[in-house]
Amino acid sequence: MDGTERTPTWQNCHFAPIFIRCKAEEQEKSYYFVGNAVALDDVRASVNPGEDGSESKVVISTLKLGKPVDPELYRHLTGKSAL
């Protein structure tokens, strides 16, 4: 990232929709849309080891959502009240 992701031009032309899944609902394979990321910080490449010994390349970053997550969805996903 070169810093352009923080400009209005980038934010108007690019978006990263964020979907997450509850670990408790892993078998259902259902995901929840929580919003669009408007900023990416601390972007770095990493590798996740697979159960079979294989490796998957991944990117790790801190995301900032454009809007707060709905309090009911947050409670469902985390089991905690929204802050």
PDB file of N, CA and C in Angstrom:
ATOM      1  N   MET A   1       0.858  -1.181   0.000  1.00  0.00           N
ATOM      2  CA  MET A   1       0.000   0.000   0.000  1.00  0.00           C
ATOM      3  C   MET A   1       0.894   1.232   0.000  1.00  0.00           C
ATOM      4  N   ASP A   2       0.526   2.199  -0.784  1.00  0.00           N
ATOM      5  CA  ASP A   2       1.343   3.392  -0.907  1.00  0.00           C
ATOM      6  C   ASP A   2       0.704   4.631  -0.291  1.00  0.00           C
ATOM      7  N   GLY A   3      -0.349   4.468   0.501  1.00  0.00           N
ATOM      8  CA  GLY A   3      -1.005   5.606   1.130  1.00  0.00           C
ATOM      9  C   GLY A   3      -2.194   6.130   0.349  1.00  0.00           C
ATOM     10  N   THR A   4      -2.350   5.693  -0.905  1.00  0.00           N
ATOM     11  CA  THR A   4      -3.460   6.204  -1.719  1.00  0.00           C
ATOM     12  C   THR A   4      -4.810   5.687  -1.235  1.00  0.00           C
ATOM     13  N   GLU A   5      -4.808   4.616  -0.430  1.00  0.00           N
ATOM     14  CA  GLU A   5      -6.080   4.063   0.044  1.00  0.00           C
ATOM     15  C   GLU A   5      -6.803   5.009   0.990  1.00  0.00           C
ATOM     16  N   ARG A   6      -6.142   6.029   1.468  1.00  0.00           N
ATOM     17  CA  ARG A   6      -6.767   6.970   2.400  1.00  0.00           C
ATOM     18  C   ARG A   6      -7.340   8.202   1.691  1.00  0.00           C
ATOM     19  N   THR A   7      -7.221   8.262   0.376  1.00  0.00           N
ATOM     20  CA  THR A   7      -7.720   9.426  -0.345  1.00  0.00           C
ATOM     21  C   THR A   7      -9.169   9.210  -0.766  1.00  0.00           C
ATOM     22  N   PRO A   8      -9.958  10.286  -0.885  1.00  0.00           N
ATOM     23  CA  PRO A   8     -11.352  10.140  -1.336  1.00  0.00           C
ATOM     24  C   PRO A   8     -11.460   9.479  -2.706  1.00  0.00           C
ATOM     25  N   THR A   9     -10.517   9.751  -3.600  1.00  0.00           N
ATOM     26  CA  THR A   9     -10.553   9.143  -4.927  1.00  0.00           C
ATOM     27  C   THR A   9     -10.492   7.626  -4.815  1.00  0.00           C
ATOM     28  N   TRP A  10      -9.557   7.114  -4.013  1.00  0.00           N
ATOM     29  CA  TRP A  10      -9.437   5.665  -3.839  1.00  0.00           C
ATOM     30  C   TRP A  10     -10.700   5.106  -3.215  1.00  0.00           C
ATOM     31  N   GLN A  11     -11.208   5.751  -2.164  1.00  0.00           N
ATOM     32  CA  GLN A  11     -12.378   5.250  -1.450  1.00  0.00           C
ATOM     33  C   GLN A  11     -13.630   5.270  -2.317  1.00  0.00           C
ATOM     34  N   ASN A  12     -13.716   6.204  -3.277  1.00  0.00           N
ATOM     35  CA  ASN A  12     -14.870   6.250  -4.165  1.00  0.00           C
ATOM     36  C   ASN A  12     -14.792   5.207  -5.275  1.00  0.00           C
ATOM     37  N   CYS A  13     -13.604   4.742  -5.599  1.00  0.00           N
ATOM     38  CA  CYS A  13     -13.419   3.802  -6.704  1.00  0.00           C
ATOM     39  C   CYS A  13     -13.169   2.368  -6.249  1.00  0.00           C
ATOM     40  N   HIS A  14     -12.784   2.178  -5.015  1.00  0.00           N
ATOM     41  CA  HIS A  14     -12.426   0.851  -4.519  1.00  0.00           C
ATOM     42  C   HIS A  14     -13.214   0.546  -3.251  1.00  0.00           C
ATOM     43  N   PHE A  15     -13.488  -0.683  -3.057  1.00  0.00           N
ATOM     44  CA  PHE A  15     -14.081  -1.109  -1.802  1.00  0.00           C
ATOM     45  C   PHE A  15     -13.728  -2.569  -1.578  1.00  0.00           C
ATOM     46  N   ALA A  16     -13.711  -2.938  -0.344  1.00  0.00           N
ATOM     47  CA  ALA A  16     -13.452  -4.325   0.008  1.00  0.00           C
ATOM     48  C   ALA A  16     -14.588  -4.781   0.913  1.00  0.00           C
ATOM     49  N   PRO A  17     -15.557  -5.531   0.365  1.00  0.00           N
ATOM     50  CA  PRO A  17     -16.653  -6.010   1.204  1.00  0.00           C
ATOM     51  C   PRO A  17     -16.126  -7.038   2.202  1.00  0.00           C
ATOM     52  N   ILE A  18     -16.571  -6.931   3.435  1.00  0.00           N
ATOM     53  CA  ILE A  18     -16.094  -7.812   4.502  1.00  0.00           C
ATOM     54  C   ILE A  18     -17.212  -8.764   4.920  1.00  0.00           C
ATOM     55  N   PHE A  19     -16.941 -10.042   4.792  1.00  0.00           N
ATOM     56  CA  PHE A  19     -17.852 -11.099   5.223  1.00  0.00           C
ATOM     57  C   PHE A  19     -17.142 -11.900   6.301  1.00  0.00           C
ATOM     58  N   ILE A  20     -17.861 -12.249   7.353  1.00  0.00           N
ATOM     59  CA  ILE A  20     -17.267 -13.068   8.410  1.00  0.00           C
ATOM     60  C   ILE A  20     -18.197 -14.229   8.737  1.00  0.00           C
ATOM     61  N   ARG A  21     -17.648 -15.208   9.425  1.00  0.00           N
ATOM     62  CA  ARG A  21     -18.416 -16.394   9.803  1.00  0.00           C
ATOM     63  C   ARG A  21     -18.207 -16.670  11.284  1.00  0.00           C
ATOM     64  N   CYS A  22     -19.282 -17.066  11.934  1.00  0.00           N
ATOM     65  CA  CYS A  22     -19.207 -17.483  13.342  1.00  0.00           C
ATOM     66  C   CYS A  22     -18.508 -18.840  13.395  1.00  0.00           C
ATOM     67  N   LYS A  23     -17.567 -18.989  14.300  1.00  0.00           N
ATOM     68  CA  LYS A  23     -16.904 -20.286  14.432  1.00  0.00           C
ATOM     69  C   LYS A  23     -17.929 -21.368  14.798  1.00  0.00           C
ATOM     70  N   ALA A  24     -18.916 -21.002  15.629  1.00  0.00           N
ATOM     71  CA  ALA A  24     -19.944 -21.969  16.033  1.00  0.00           C
ATOM     72  C   ALA A  24     -20.796 -22.415  14.847  1.00  0.00           C
ATOM     73  N   GLU A  25     -20.854 -21.624  13.780  1.00  0.00           N
ATOM     74  CA  GLU A  25     -21.652 -21.947  12.601  1.00  0.00           C
ATOM     75  C   GLU A  25     -20.793 -22.451  11.440  1.00  0.00           C
ATOM     76  N   GLU A  26     -19.613 -22.923  11.749  1.00  0.00           N
ATOM     77  CA  GLU A  26     -18.657 -23.354  10.729  1.00  0.00           C
ATOM     78  C   GLU A  26     -19.234 -24.417   9.788  1.00  0.00           C
ATOM     79  N   GLN A  27     -20.010 -25.345  10.313  1.00  0.00           N
ATOM     80  CA  GLN A  27     -20.577 -26.418   9.503  1.00  0.00           C
ATOM     81  C   GLN A  27     -21.586 -25.899   8.487  1.00  0.00           C
ATOM     82  N   GLU A  28     -22.265 -24.782   8.806  1.00  0.00           N
ATOM     83  CA  GLU A  28     -23.289 -24.236   7.919  1.00  0.00           C
ATOM     84  C   GLU A  28     -22.697 -23.499   6.721  1.00  0.00           C
ATOM     85  N   LYS A  29     -21.459 -23.093   6.833  1.00  0.00           N
ATOM     86  CA  LYS A  29     -20.771 -22.356   5.771  1.00  0.00           C
ATOM     87  C   LYS A  29     -21.489 -21.063   5.393  1.00  0.00           C
ATOM     88  N   SER A  30     -22.152 -20.428   6.366  1.00  0.00           N
ATOM     89  CA  SER A  30     -22.822 -19.157   6.095  1.00  0.00           C
ATOM     90  C   SER A  30     -21.948 -18.006   6.588  1.00  0.00           C
ATOM     91  N   TYR A  31     -21.971 -16.939   5.824  1.00  0.00           N
ATOM     92  CA  TYR A  31     -21.180 -15.756   6.126  1.00  0.00           C
ATOM     93  C   TYR A  31     -22.113 -14.577   6.325  1.00  0.00           C
ATOM     94  N   TYR A  32     -21.656 -13.585   7.069  1.00  0.00           N
ATOM     95  CA  TYR A  32     -22.412 -12.369   7.323  1.00  0.00           C
ATOM     96  C   TYR A  32     -21.654 -11.175   6.746  1.00  0.00           C
ATOM     97  N   PHE A  33     -22.361 -10.341   6.002  1.00  0.00           N
ATOM     98  CA  PHE A  33     -21.770  -9.120   5.483  1.00  0.00           C
ATOM     99  C   PHE A  33     -21.776  -8.090   6.606  1.00  0.00           C
ATOM    100  N   VAL A  34     -20.593  -7.559   6.961  1.00  0.00           N
ATOM    101  CA  VAL A  34     -20.514  -6.580   8.049  1.00  0.00           C
ATOM    102  C   VAL A  34     -20.213  -5.175   7.543  1.00  0.00           C
ATOM    103  N   GLY A  35     -19.938  -5.010   6.256  1.00  0.00           N
ATOM    104  CA  GLY A  35     -19.703  -3.684   5.698  1.00  0.00           C
ATOM    105  C   GLY A  35     -18.514  -3.671   4.767  1.00  0.00           C
ATOM    106  N   ASN A  36     -18.178  -2.477   4.305  1.00  0.00           N
ATOM    107  CA  ASN A  36     -17.030  -2.291   3.422  1.00  0.00           C
ATOM    108  C   ASN A  36     -15.858  -1.725   4.195  1.00  0.00           C
ATOM    109  N   ALA A  37     -14.677  -2.222   3.918  1.00  0.00           N
ATOM    110  CA  ALA A  37     -13.466  -1.670   4.522  1.00  0.00           C
ATOM    111  C   ALA A  37     -13.118  -0.381   3.795  1.00  0.00           C
ATOM    112  N   VAL A  38     -12.839   0.660   4.561  1.00  0.00           N
ATOM    113  CA  VAL A  38     -12.472   1.943   3.962  1.00  0.00           C
ATOM    114  C   VAL A  38     -11.008   2.280   4.202  1.00  0.00           C
ATOM    115  N   ALA A  39     -10.344   1.525   5.050  1.00  0.00           N
ATOM    116  CA  ALA A  39      -8.922   1.747   5.297  1.00  0.00           C
ATOM    117  C   ALA A  39      -8.271   0.425   5.644  1.00  0.00           C
ATOM    118  N   LEU A  40      -7.054   0.245   5.191  1.00  0.00           N
ATOM    119  CA  LEU A  40      -6.257  -0.941   5.481  1.00  0.00           C
ATOM    120  C   LEU A  40      -4.973  -0.474   6.144  1.00  0.00           C
ATOM    121  N   ASP A  41      -4.694  -0.980   7.312  1.00  0.00           N
ATOM    122  CA  ASP A  41      -3.469  -0.630   8.026  1.00  0.00           C
ATOM    123  C   ASP A  41      -2.676  -1.892   8.327  1.00  0.00           C
ATOM    124  N   ASP A  42      -1.390  -1.734   8.511  1.00  0.00           N
ATOM    125  CA  ASP A  42      -0.506  -2.829   8.909  1.00  0.00           C
ATOM    126  C   ASP A  42      -0.639  -4.032   7.973  1.00  0.00           C
ATOM    127  N   VAL A  43      -0.615  -3.781   6.661  1.00  0.00           N
ATOM    128  CA  VAL A  43      -0.764  -4.843   5.661  1.00  0.00           C
ATOM    129  C   VAL A  43       0.543  -5.621   5.553  1.00  0.00           C
ATOM    130  N   ARG A  44       0.431  -6.958   5.647  1.00  0.00           N
ATOM    131  CA  ARG A  44       1.632  -7.788   5.545  1.00  0.00           C
ATOM    132  C   ARG A  44       1.259  -9.179   5.017  1.00  0.00           C
ATOM    133  N   ALA A  45       2.183  -9.766   4.323  1.00  0.00           N
ATOM    134  CA  ALA A  45       1.997 -11.121   3.805  1.00  0.00           C
ATOM    135  C   ALA A  45       2.333 -12.127   4.896  1.00  0.00           C
ATOM    136  N   SER A  46       1.655 -13.265   4.864  1.00  0.00           N
ATOM    137  CA  SER A  46       1.906 -14.316   5.839  1.00  0.00           C
ATOM    138  C   SER A  46       1.588 -15.657   5.180  1.00  0.00           C
ATOM    139  N   VAL A  47       1.771 -16.720   5.928  1.00  0.00           N
ATOM    140  CA  VAL A  47       1.479 -18.069   5.441  1.00  0.00           C
ATOM    141  C   VAL A  47       0.699 -18.800   6.525  1.00  0.00           C
ATOM    142  N   ASN A  48      -0.405 -19.442   6.124  1.00  0.00           N
ATOM    143  CA  ASN A  48      -1.178 -20.272   7.045  1.00  0.00           C
ATOM    144  C   ASN A  48      -0.853 -21.731   6.772  1.00  0.00           C
ATOM    145  N   PRO A  49      -0.470 -22.474   7.812  1.00  0.00           N
ATOM    146  CA  PRO A  49      -0.226 -23.906   7.604  1.00  0.00           C
ATOM    147  C   PRO A  49      -1.553 -24.658   7.522  1.00  0.00           C
ATOM    148  N   GLY A  50      -1.649 -25.603   6.590  1.00  0.00           N
ATOM    149  CA  GLY A  50      -2.835 -26.443   6.474  1.00  0.00           C
ATOM    150  C   GLY A  50      -2.694 -27.677   7.331  1.00  0.00           C
ATOM    151  N   GLU A  51      -3.809 -28.330   7.593  1.00  0.00           N
ATOM    152  CA  GLU A  51      -3.790 -29.557   8.400  1.00  0.00           C
ATOM    153  C   GLU A  51      -3.009 -30.673   7.711  1.00  0.00           C
ATOM    154  N   ASP A  52      -2.935 -30.596   6.383  1.00  0.00           N
ATOM    155  CA  ASP A  52      -2.238 -31.631   5.627  1.00  0.00           C
ATOM    156  C   ASP A  52      -0.761 -31.302   5.388  1.00  0.00           C
ATOM    157  N   GLY A  53      -0.277 -30.246   6.033  1.00  0.00           N
ATOM    158  CA  GLY A  53       1.118 -29.858   5.871  1.00  0.00           C
ATOM    159  C   GLY A  53       1.347 -28.843   4.764  1.00  0.00           C
ATOM    160  N   SER A  54       0.313 -28.554   4.004  1.00  0.00           N
ATOM    161  CA  SER A  54       0.448 -27.555   2.941  1.00  0.00           C
ATOM    162  C   SER A  54       0.437 -26.147   3.548  1.00  0.00           C
ATOM    163  N   GLU A  55       0.778 -25.167   2.730  1.00  0.00           N
ATOM    164  CA  GLU A  55       0.777 -23.782   3.181  1.00  0.00           C
ATOM    165  C   GLU A  55      -0.051 -22.938   2.218  1.00  0.00           C
ATOM    166  N   SER A  56      -0.786 -21.963   2.770  1.00  0.00           N
ATOM    167  CA  SER A  56      -1.569 -21.032   1.969  1.00  0.00           C
ATOM    168  C   SER A  56      -1.057 -19.624   2.218  1.00  0.00           C
ATOM    169  N   LYS A  57      -0.809 -18.898   1.130  1.00  0.00           N
ATOM    170  CA  LYS A  57      -0.397 -17.510   1.274  1.00  0.00           C
ATOM    171  C   LYS A  57      -1.627 -16.672   1.622  1.00  0.00           C
ATOM    172  N   VAL A  58      -1.487 -15.786   2.605  1.00  0.00           N
ATOM    173  CA  VAL A  58      -2.575 -14.904   3.032  1.00  0.00           C
ATOM    174  C   VAL A  58      -2.023 -13.501   3.246  1.00  0.00           C
ATOM    175  N   VAL A  59      -2.930 -12.540   3.295  1.00  0.00           N
ATOM    176  CA  VAL A  59      -2.583 -11.171   3.631  1.00  0.00           C
ATOM    177  C   VAL A  59      -3.302 -10.827   4.925  1.00  0.00           C
ATOM    178  N   ILE A  60      -2.556 -10.278   5.875  1.00  0.00           N
ATOM    179  CA  ILE A  60      -3.109  -9.894   7.171  1.00  0.00           C
ATOM    180  C   ILE A  60      -3.078  -8.378   7.260  1.00  0.00           C
ATOM    181  N   SER A  61      -4.171  -7.783   7.741  1.00  0.00           N
ATOM    182  CA  SER A  61      -4.194  -6.345   7.943  1.00  0.00           C
ATOM    183  C   SER A  61      -5.256  -5.991   8.962  1.00  0.00           C
ATOM    184  N   THR A  62      -5.191  -4.778   9.451  1.00  0.00           N
ATOM    185  CA  THR A  62      -6.224  -4.215  10.300  1.00  0.00           C
ATOM    186  C   THR A  62      -7.155  -3.431   9.386  1.00  0.00           C
ATOM    187  N   LEU A  63      -8.452  -3.718   9.459  1.00  0.00           N
ATOM    188  CA  LEU A  63      -9.422  -3.080   8.590  1.00  0.00           C
ATOM    189  C   LEU A  63     -10.252  -2.069   9.372  1.00  0.00           C
ATOM    190  N   LYS A  64     -10.599  -0.983   8.723  1.00  0.00           N
ATOM    191  CA  LYS A  64     -11.519  -0.015   9.303  1.00  0.00           C
ATOM    192  C   LYS A  64     -12.776  -0.055   8.453  1.00  0.00           C
ATOM    193  N   LEU A  65     -13.916  -0.311   9.101  1.00  0.00           N
ATOM    194  CA  LEU A  65     -15.180  -0.366   8.386  1.00  0.00           C
ATOM    195  C   LEU A  65     -15.730   1.035   8.179  1.00  0.00           C
ATOM    196  N   GLY A  66     -16.486   1.213   7.085  1.00  0.00           N
ATOM    197  CA  GLY A  66     -17.090   2.501   6.787  1.00  0.00           C
ATOM    198  C   GLY A  66     -18.179   2.871   7.781  1.00  0.00           C
ATOM    199  N   LYS A  67     -18.869   1.871   8.320  1.00  0.00           N
ATOM    200  CA  LYS A  67     -19.943   2.084   9.296  1.00  0.00           C
ATOM    201  C   LYS A  67     -19.797   1.039  10.397  1.00  0.00           C
ATOM    202  N   PRO A  68     -20.258   1.361  11.603  1.00  0.00           N
ATOM    203  CA  PRO A  68     -20.203   0.354  12.676  1.00  0.00           C
ATOM    204  C   PRO A  68     -21.060  -0.872  12.340  1.00  0.00           C
ATOM    205  N   VAL A  69     -20.669  -2.006  12.866  1.00  0.00           N
ATOM    206  CA  VAL A  69     -21.444  -3.235  12.694  1.00  0.00           C
ATOM    207  C   VAL A  69     -22.745  -3.084  13.475  1.00  0.00           C
ATOM    208  N   ASP A  70     -23.840  -3.551  12.877  1.00  0.00           N
ATOM    209  CA  ASP A  70     -25.138  -3.514  13.542  1.00  0.00           C
ATOM    210  C   ASP A  70     -25.019  -4.178  14.920  1.00  0.00           C
ATOM    211  N   PRO A  71     -25.532  -3.542  15.980  1.00  0.00           N
ATOM    212  CA  PRO A  71     -25.392  -4.099  17.335  1.00  0.00           C
ATOM    213  C   PRO A  71     -25.941  -5.520  17.486  1.00  0.00           C
ATOM    214  N   GLU A  72     -27.054  -5.833  16.824  1.00  0.00           N
ATOM    215  CA  GLU A  72     -27.621  -7.186  16.924  1.00  0.00           C
ATOM    216  C   GLU A  72     -26.716  -8.213  16.243  1.00  0.00           C
ATOM    217  N   LEU A  73     -26.142  -7.866  15.106  1.00  0.00           N
ATOM    218  CA  LEU A  73     -25.221  -8.774  14.423  1.00  0.00           C
ATOM    219  C   LEU A  73     -23.964  -8.960  15.259  1.00  0.00           C
ATOM    220  N   TYR A  74     -23.447  -7.875  15.822  1.00  0.00           N
ATOM    221  CA  TYR A  74     -22.267  -7.968  16.691  1.00  0.00           C
ATOM    222  C   TYR A  74     -22.546  -8.915  17.857  1.00  0.00           C
ATOM    223  N   ARG A  75     -23.697  -8.761  18.488  1.00  0.00           N
ATOM    224  CA  ARG A  75     -24.061  -9.615  19.623  1.00  0.00           C
ATOM    225  C   ARG A  75     -24.161 -11.080  19.173  1.00  0.00           C
ATOM    226  N   HIS A  76     -24.752 -11.315  18.006  1.00  0.00           N
ATOM    227  CA  HIS A  76     -24.872 -12.682  17.492  1.00  0.00           C
ATOM    228  C   HIS A  76     -23.510 -13.300  17.216  1.00  0.00           C
ATOM    229  N   LEU A  77     -22.627 -12.533  16.623  1.00  0.00           N
ATOM    230  CA  LEU A  77     -21.317 -13.059  16.244  1.00  0.00           C
ATOM    231  C   LEU A  77     -20.378 -13.245  17.424  1.00  0.00           C
ATOM    232  N   THR A  78     -20.465 -12.357  18.420  1.00  0.00           N
ATOM    233  CA  THR A  78     -19.511 -12.397  19.515  1.00  0.00           C
ATOM    234  C   THR A  78     -20.086 -12.882  20.839  1.00  0.00           C
ATOM    235  N   GLY A  79     -21.404 -12.824  20.982  1.00  0.00           N
ATOM    236  CA  GLY A  79     -22.030 -13.168  22.253  1.00  0.00           C
ATOM    237  C   GLY A  79     -21.893 -12.052  23.286  1.00  0.00           C
ATOM    238  N   LYS A  80     -21.445 -10.868  22.839  1.00  0.00           N
ATOM    239  CA  LYS A  80     -21.235  -9.728  23.718  1.00  0.00           C
ATOM    240  C   LYS A  80     -22.074  -8.552  23.243  1.00  0.00           C
ATOM    241  N   SER A  81     -22.399  -7.650  24.157  1.00  0.00           N
ATOM    242  CA  SER A  81     -23.106  -6.431  23.783  1.00  0.00           C
ATOM    243  C   SER A  81     -22.149  -5.523  23.005  1.00  0.00           C
ATOM    244  N   ALA A  82     -22.714  -4.761  22.072  1.00  0.00           N
ATOM    245  CA  ALA A  82     -21.900  -3.802  21.310  1.00  0.00           C
ATOM    246  C   ALA A  82     -21.382  -2.736  22.234  1.00  0.00           C
ATOM    247  N   LEU A  83     -20.176  -2.278  21.960  1.00  0.00           N
ATOM    248  CA  LEU A  83     -19.546  -1.248  22.788  1.00  0.00           C
ATOM    249  C   LEU A  83     -20.089   0.109  22.473  1.00  0.00           C
TER     250      LEU A  83
END
